[in-house]
Amino acid sequence: MAEEKKKSRGSTWLRETRGELKKVTWPNRELVMKNTGTVLLCSLLIGACIWIFDFAATNLVKMILAVFGG
């Protein structure tokens, strides 16, 4: 009896999942390429900002240590 419940639960889940996937509107190739480019560009810009901040902070700490003899 318990195995029948587990089996029917699994098949119900699979049937419902398949039904939901039929409702999905998948993007076309052009939209995927555009969104990928946007993500890559934003990632590069954020990475550059972090690199610049890190470079400035490192130099500031070195300058403070040089002034106070650290």
PDB file of N, CA and C in Angstrom:
ATOM      1  N   MET A   1       0.814  -1.194   0.000  1.00  0.00           N
ATOM      2  CA  MET A   1       0.000   0.000   0.000  1.00  0.00           C
ATOM      3  C   MET A   1       0.857   1.257   0.000  1.00  0.00           C
ATOM      4  N   ALA A   2       1.899   1.275   0.828  1.00  0.00           N
ATOM      5  CA  ALA A   2       2.770   2.448   0.888  1.00  0.00           C
ATOM      6  C   ALA A   2       3.522   2.636  -0.419  1.00  0.00           C
ATOM      7  N   GLU A   3       3.890   1.515  -1.054  1.00  0.00           N
ATOM      8  CA  GLU A   3       4.603   1.595  -2.329  1.00  0.00           C
ATOM      9  C   GLU A   3       3.704   2.148  -3.421  1.00  0.00           C
ATOM     10  N   GLU A   4       2.410   1.810  -3.372  1.00  0.00           N
ATOM     11  CA  GLU A   4       1.479   2.325  -4.372  1.00  0.00           C
ATOM     12  C   GLU A   4       1.344   3.842  -4.241  1.00  0.00           C
ATOM     13  N   LYS A   5       1.306   4.362  -3.008  1.00  0.00           N
ATOM     14  CA  LYS A   5       1.209   5.804  -2.787  1.00  0.00           C
ATOM     15  C   LYS A   5       2.449   6.502  -3.317  1.00  0.00           C
ATOM     16  N   LYS A   6       3.624   5.933  -3.023  1.00  0.00           N
ATOM     17  CA  LYS A   6       4.870   6.526  -3.507  1.00  0.00           C
ATOM     18  C   LYS A   6       4.911   6.520  -5.026  1.00  0.00           C
ATOM     19  N   LYS A   7       4.481   5.436  -5.631  1.00  0.00           N
ATOM     20  CA  LYS A   7       4.499   5.307  -7.079  1.00  0.00           C
ATOM     21  C   LYS A   7       3.551   6.325  -7.717  1.00  0.00           C
ATOM     22  N   SER A   8       2.337   6.454  -7.166  1.00  0.00           N
ATOM     23  CA  SER A   8       1.374   7.384  -7.741  1.00  0.00           C
ATOM     24  C   SER A   8       1.826   8.834  -7.515  1.00  0.00           C
ATOM     25  N   ARG A   9       2.467   9.103  -6.374  1.00  0.00           N
ATOM     26  CA  ARG A   9       2.990  10.450  -6.119  1.00  0.00           C
ATOM     27  C   ARG A   9       4.056  10.817  -7.144  1.00  0.00           C
ATOM     28  N   GLY A  10       4.935   9.874  -7.445  1.00  0.00           N
ATOM     29  CA  GLY A  10       5.998  10.106  -8.415  1.00  0.00           C
ATOM     30  C   GLY A  10       5.449  10.325  -9.803  1.00  0.00           C
ATOM     31  N   SER A  11       4.492   9.522 -10.210  1.00  0.00           N
ATOM     32  CA  SER A  11       3.934   9.681 -11.548  1.00  0.00           C
ATOM     33  C   SER A  11       3.107  10.952 -11.639  1.00  0.00           C
ATOM     34  N   THR A  12       2.420  11.332 -10.560  1.00  0.00           N
ATOM     35  CA  THR A  12       1.662  12.589 -10.555  1.00  0.00           C
ATOM     36  C   THR A  12       2.615  13.766 -10.702  1.00  0.00           C
ATOM     37  N   TRP A  13       3.697  13.731  -9.958  1.00  0.00           N
ATOM     38  CA  TRP A  13       4.675  14.819 -10.039  1.00  0.00           C
ATOM     39  C   TRP A  13       5.240  14.925 -11.443  1.00  0.00           C
ATOM     40  N   LEU A  14       5.581  13.783 -12.046  1.00  0.00           N
ATOM     41  CA  LEU A  14       6.144  13.771 -13.388  1.00  0.00           C
ATOM     42  C   LEU A  14       5.131  14.304 -14.404  1.00  0.00           C
ATOM     43  N   ARG A  15       3.882  13.894 -14.284  1.00  0.00           N
ATOM     44  CA  ARG A  15       2.834  14.351 -15.199  1.00  0.00           C
ATOM     45  C   ARG A  15       2.631  15.866 -15.062  1.00  0.00           C
ATOM     46  N   GLU A  16       2.591  16.363 -13.835  1.00  0.00           N
ATOM     47  CA  GLU A  16       2.404  17.793 -13.602  1.00  0.00           C
ATOM     48  C   GLU A  16       3.600  18.601 -14.110  1.00  0.00           C
ATOM     49  N   THR A  17       4.788  18.068 -13.899  1.00  0.00           N
ATOM     50  CA  THR A  17       5.993  18.755 -14.372  1.00  0.00           C
ATOM     51  C   THR A  17       5.989  18.842 -15.887  1.00  0.00           C
ATOM     52  N   ARG A  18       5.660  17.769 -16.551  1.00  0.00           N
ATOM     53  CA  ARG A  18       5.589  17.760 -18.012  1.00  0.00           C
ATOM     54  C   ARG A  18       4.551  18.773 -18.503  1.00  0.00           C
ATOM     55  N   GLY A  19       3.409  18.838 -17.832  1.00  0.00           N
ATOM     56  CA  GLY A  19       2.370  19.797 -18.206  1.00  0.00           C
ATOM     57  C   GLY A  19       2.829  21.235 -18.036  1.00  0.00           C
ATOM     58  N   GLU A  20       3.564  21.514 -16.960  1.00  0.00           N
ATOM     59  CA  GLU A  20       4.066  22.878 -16.734  1.00  0.00           C
ATOM     60  C   GLU A  20       5.126  23.258 -17.764  1.00  0.00           C
ATOM     61  N   LEU A  21       5.980  22.309 -18.147  1.00  0.00           N
ATOM     62  CA  LEU A  21       7.016  22.599 -19.137  1.00  0.00           C
ATOM     63  C   LEU A  21       6.425  22.905 -20.505  1.00  0.00           C
ATOM     64  N   LYS A  22       5.243  22.374 -20.799  1.00  0.00           N
ATOM     65  CA  LYS A  22       4.580  22.683 -22.065  1.00  0.00           C
ATOM     66  C   LYS A  22       4.110  24.137 -22.100  1.00  0.00           C
ATOM     67  N   LYS A  23       3.876  24.739 -20.922  1.00  0.00           N
ATOM     68  CA  LYS A  23       3.401  26.116 -20.839  1.00  0.00           C
ATOM     69  C   LYS A  23       4.532  27.142 -20.953  1.00  0.00           C
ATOM     70  N   VAL A  24       5.776  26.693 -20.825  1.00  0.00           N
ATOM     71  CA  VAL A  24       6.922  27.600 -20.822  1.00  0.00           C
ATOM     72  C   VAL A  24       7.118  28.204 -22.208  1.00  0.00           C
ATOM     73  N   THR A  25       7.356  29.520 -22.244  1.00  0.00           N
ATOM     74  CA  THR A  25       7.702  30.193 -23.489  1.00  0.00           C
ATOM     75  C   THR A  25       9.215  30.344 -23.514  1.00  0.00           C
ATOM     76  N   TRP A  26       9.871  29.589 -24.379  1.00  0.00           N
ATOM     77  CA  TRP A  26      11.323  29.598 -24.441  1.00  0.00           C
ATOM     78  C   TRP A  26      11.796  30.763 -25.303  1.00  0.00           C
ATOM     79  N   PRO A  27      12.890  31.436 -24.912  1.00  0.00           N
ATOM     80  CA  PRO A  27      13.395  32.571 -25.699  1.00  0.00           C
ATOM     81  C   PRO A  27      14.047  32.091 -26.999  1.00  0.00           C
ATOM     82  N   ASN A  28      14.042  32.989 -28.006  1.00  0.00           N
ATOM     83  CA  ASN A  28      14.698  32.636 -29.262  1.00  0.00           C
ATOM     84  C   ASN A  28      16.199  32.899 -29.158  1.00  0.00           C
ATOM     85  N   ARG A  29      16.926  32.505 -30.171  1.00  0.00           N
ATOM     86  CA  ARG A  29      18.391  32.596 -30.156  1.00  0.00           C
ATOM     87  C   ARG A  29      18.870  34.039 -30.024  1.00  0.00           C
ATOM     88  N   GLU A  30      18.204  34.962 -30.732  1.00  0.00           N
ATOM     89  CA  GLU A  30      18.624  36.367 -30.697  1.00  0.00           C
ATOM     90  C   GLU A  30      18.514  36.942 -29.287  1.00  0.00           C
ATOM     91  N   LEU A  31      17.423  36.637 -28.601  1.00  0.00           N
ATOM     92  CA  LEU A  31      17.233  37.147 -27.244  1.00  0.00           C
ATOM     93  C   LEU A  31      18.271  36.560 -26.286  1.00  0.00           C
ATOM     94  N   VAL A  32      18.561  35.282 -26.452  1.00  0.00           N
ATOM     95  CA  VAL A  32      19.566  34.639 -25.597  1.00  0.00           C
ATOM     96  C   VAL A  32      20.934  35.280 -25.813  1.00  0.00           C
ATOM     97  N   MET A  33      21.296  35.514 -27.069  1.00  0.00           N
ATOM     98  CA  MET A  33      22.594  36.139 -27.374  1.00  0.00           C
ATOM     99  C   MET A  33      22.660  37.561 -26.816  1.00  0.00           C
ATOM    100  N   LYS A  34      21.582  38.314 -26.955  1.00  0.00           N
ATOM    101  CA  LYS A  34      21.537  39.692 -26.435  1.00  0.00           C
ATOM    102  C   LYS A  34      21.691  39.700 -24.914  1.00  0.00           C
ATOM    103  N   ASN A  35      20.944  38.841 -24.245  1.00  0.00           N
ATOM    104  CA  ASN A  35      21.023  38.778 -22.785  1.00  0.00           C
ATOM    105  C   ASN A  35      22.393  38.291 -22.311  1.00  0.00           C
ATOM    106  N   THR A  36      22.985  37.350 -23.040  1.00  0.00           N
ATOM    107  CA  THR A  36      24.322  36.859 -22.694  1.00  0.00           C
ATOM    108  C   THR A  36      25.347  37.984 -22.811  1.00  0.00           C
ATOM    109  N   GLY A  37      25.247  38.761 -23.883  1.00  0.00           N
ATOM    110  CA  GLY A  37      26.148  39.903 -24.058  1.00  0.00           C
ATOM    111  C   GLY A  37      25.997  40.929 -22.945  1.00  0.00           C
ATOM    112  N   THR A  38      24.752  41.179 -22.560  1.00  0.00           N
ATOM    113  CA  THR A  38      24.502  42.131 -21.472  1.00  0.00           C
ATOM    114  C   THR A  38      25.113  41.643 -20.164  1.00  0.00           C
ATOM    115  N   VAL A  39      24.946  40.368 -19.874  1.00  0.00           N
ATOM    116  CA  VAL A  39      25.499  39.801 -18.633  1.00  0.00           C
ATOM    117  C   VAL A  39      27.025  39.868 -18.650  1.00  0.00           C
ATOM    118  N   LEU A  40      27.641  39.528 -19.785  1.00  0.00           N
ATOM    119  CA  LEU A  40      29.102  39.577 -19.876  1.00  0.00           C
ATOM    120  C   LEU A  40      29.616  41.005 -19.718  1.00  0.00           C
ATOM    121  N   LEU A  41      28.958  41.967 -20.365  1.00  0.00           N
ATOM    122  CA  LEU A  41      29.376  43.364 -20.261  1.00  0.00           C
ATOM    123  C   LEU A  41      29.256  43.872 -18.827  1.00  0.00           C
ATOM    124  N   CYS A  42      28.137  43.586 -18.190  1.00  0.00           N
ATOM    125  CA  CYS A  42      27.959  44.016 -16.797  1.00  0.00           C
ATOM    126  C   CYS A  42      28.985  43.358 -15.875  1.00  0.00           C
ATOM    127  N   SER A  43      29.268  42.087 -16.119  1.00  0.00           N
ATOM    128  CA  SER A  43      30.268  41.387 -15.297  1.00  0.00           C
ATOM    129  C   SER A  43      31.644  42.020 -15.457  1.00  0.00           C
ATOM    130  N   LEU A  44      32.007  42.377 -16.692  1.00  0.00           N
ATOM    131  CA  LEU A  44      33.295  43.030 -16.923  1.00  0.00           C
ATOM    132  C   LEU A  44      33.357  44.397 -16.255  1.00  0.00           C
ATOM    133  N   LEU A  45      32.273  45.169 -16.344  1.00  0.00           N
ATOM    134  CA  LEU A  45      32.251  46.497 -15.721  1.00  0.00           C
ATOM    135  C   LEU A  45      32.357  46.403 -14.196  1.00  0.00           C
ATOM    136  N   ILE A  46      31.635  45.494 -13.607  1.00  0.00           N
ATOM    137  CA  ILE A  46      31.698  45.321 -12.150  1.00  0.00           C
ATOM    138  C   ILE A  46      33.084  44.830 -11.743  1.00  0.00           C
ATOM    139  N   GLY A  47      33.640  43.902 -12.513  1.00  0.00           N
ATOM    140  CA  GLY A  47      34.997  43.415 -12.225  1.00  0.00           C
ATOM    141  C   GLY A  47      36.023  44.534 -12.310  1.00  0.00           C
ATOM    142  N   ALA A  48      35.888  45.420 -13.316  1.00  0.00           N
ATOM    143  CA  ALA A  48      36.810  46.550 -13.453  1.00  0.00           C
ATOM    144  C   ALA A  48      36.681  47.499 -12.274  1.00  0.00           C
ATOM    145  N   CYS A  49      35.445  47.759 -11.835  1.00  0.00           N
ATOM    146  CA  CYS A  49      35.240  48.635 -10.668  1.00  0.00           C
ATOM    147  C   CYS A  49      35.880  48.052  -9.419  1.00  0.00           C
ATOM    148  N   ILE A  50      35.712  46.764  -9.218  1.00  0.00           N
ATOM    149  CA  ILE A  50      36.316  46.107  -8.052  1.00  0.00           C
ATOM    150  C   ILE A  50      37.836  46.173  -8.148  1.00  0.00           C
ATOM    151  N   TRP A  51      38.383  45.946  -9.341  1.00  0.00           N
ATOM    152  CA  TRP A  51      39.836  45.984  -9.523  1.00  0.00           C
ATOM    153  C   TRP A  51      40.371  47.388  -9.226  1.00  0.00           C
ATOM    154  N   ILE A  52      39.691  48.422  -9.718  1.00  0.00           N
ATOM    155  CA  ILE A  52      40.129  49.807  -9.478  1.00  0.00           C
ATOM    156  C   ILE A  52      40.064  50.134  -7.992  1.00  0.00           C
ATOM    157  N   PHE A  53      38.966  49.756  -7.323  1.00  0.00           N
ATOM    158  CA  PHE A  53      38.841  50.016  -5.893  1.00  0.00           C
ATOM    159  C   PHE A  53      39.934  49.285  -5.113  1.00  0.00           C
ATOM    160  N   ASP A  54      40.213  48.043  -5.471  1.00  0.00           N
ATOM    161  CA  ASP A  54      41.248  47.261  -4.795  1.00  0.00           C
ATOM    162  C   ASP A  54      42.618  47.903  -4.985  1.00  0.00           C
ATOM    163  N   PHE A  55      42.905  48.339  -6.208  1.00  0.00           N
ATOM    164  CA  PHE A  55      44.179  48.992  -6.502  1.00  0.00           C
ATOM    165  C   PHE A  55      44.336  50.275  -5.682  1.00  0.00           C
ATOM    166  N   ALA A  56      43.263  51.092  -5.641  1.00  0.00           N
ATOM    167  CA  ALA A  56      43.317  52.347  -4.884  1.00  0.00           C
ATOM    168  C   ALA A  56      43.456  52.080  -3.384  1.00  0.00           C
ATOM    169  N   ALA A  57      42.712  51.117  -2.871  1.00  0.00           N
ATOM    170  CA  ALA A  57      42.765  50.807  -1.442  1.00  0.00           C
ATOM    171  C   ALA A  57      44.145  50.269  -1.052  1.00  0.00           C
ATOM    172  N   THR A  58      44.722  49.437  -1.888  1.00  0.00           N
ATOM    173  CA  THR A  58      46.056  48.889  -1.611  1.00  0.00           C
ATOM    174  C   THR A  58      47.093  50.009  -1.564  1.00  0.00           C
ATOM    175  N   ASN A  59      47.034  50.909  -2.536  1.00  0.00           N
ATOM    176  CA  ASN A  59      47.985  52.021  -2.546  1.00  0.00           C
ATOM    177  C   ASN A  59      47.777  52.958  -1.364  1.00  0.00           C
ATOM    178  N   LEU A  60      46.527  53.175  -0.971  1.00  0.00           N
ATOM    179  CA  LEU A  60      46.242  54.022   0.188  1.00  0.00           C
ATOM    180  C   LEU A  60      46.818  53.412   1.460  1.00  0.00           C
ATOM    181  N   VAL A  61      46.638  52.108   1.631  1.00  0.00           N
ATOM    182  CA  VAL A  61      47.173  51.429   2.827  1.00  0.00           C
ATOM    183  C   VAL A  61      48.703  51.494   2.805  1.00  0.00           C
ATOM    184  N   LYS A  62      49.321  51.284   1.653  1.00  0.00           N
ATOM    185  CA  LYS A  62      50.774  51.367   1.575  1.00  0.00           C
ATOM    186  C   LYS A  62      51.264  52.774   1.912  1.00  0.00           C
ATOM    187  N   MET A  63      50.553  53.802   1.438  1.00  0.00           N
ATOM    188  CA  MET A  63      50.939  55.172   1.714  1.00  0.00           C
ATOM    189  C   MET A  63      50.816  55.496   3.206  1.00  0.00           C
ATOM    190  N   ILE A  64      49.717  55.033   3.811  1.00  0.00           N
ATOM    191  CA  ILE A  64      49.535  55.268   5.262  1.00  0.00           C
ATOM    192  C   ILE A  64      50.625  54.565   6.050  1.00  0.00           C
ATOM    193  N   LEU A  65      50.966  53.357   5.670  1.00  0.00           N
ATOM    194  CA  LEU A  65      52.023  52.610   6.373  1.00  0.00           C
ATOM    195  C   LEU A  65      53.378  53.280   6.194  1.00  0.00           C
ATOM    196  N   ALA A  66      53.617  53.860   5.005  1.00  0.00           N
ATOM    197  CA  ALA A  66      54.891  54.551   4.766  1.00  0.00           C
ATOM    198  C   ALA A  66      54.989  55.812   5.605  1.00  0.00           C
ATOM    199  N   VAL A  67      53.882  56.518   5.758  1.00  0.00           N
ATOM    200  CA  VAL A  67      53.880  57.760   6.534  1.00  0.00           C
ATOM    201  C   VAL A  67      54.103  57.481   8.010  1.00  0.00           C
ATOM    202  N   PHE A  68      53.448  56.463   8.538  1.00  0.00           N
ATOM    203  CA  PHE A  68      53.548  56.167   9.966  1.00  0.00           C
ATOM    204  C   PHE A  68      54.610  55.115  10.290  1.00  0.00           C
ATOM    205  N   GLY A  69      55.425  54.760   9.319  1.00  0.00           N
ATOM    206  CA  GLY A  69      56.569  53.878   9.564  1.00  0.00           C
ATOM    207  C   GLY A  69      56.195  52.441   9.882  1.00  0.00           C
ATOM    208  N   GLY A  70      55.176  51.918   9.262  1.00  0.00           N
ATOM    209  CA  GLY A  70      54.711  50.553   9.564  1.00  0.00           C
ATOM    210  C   GLY A  70      55.358  49.483   8.795  1.00  0.00           C
TER     211      GLY A  70
END
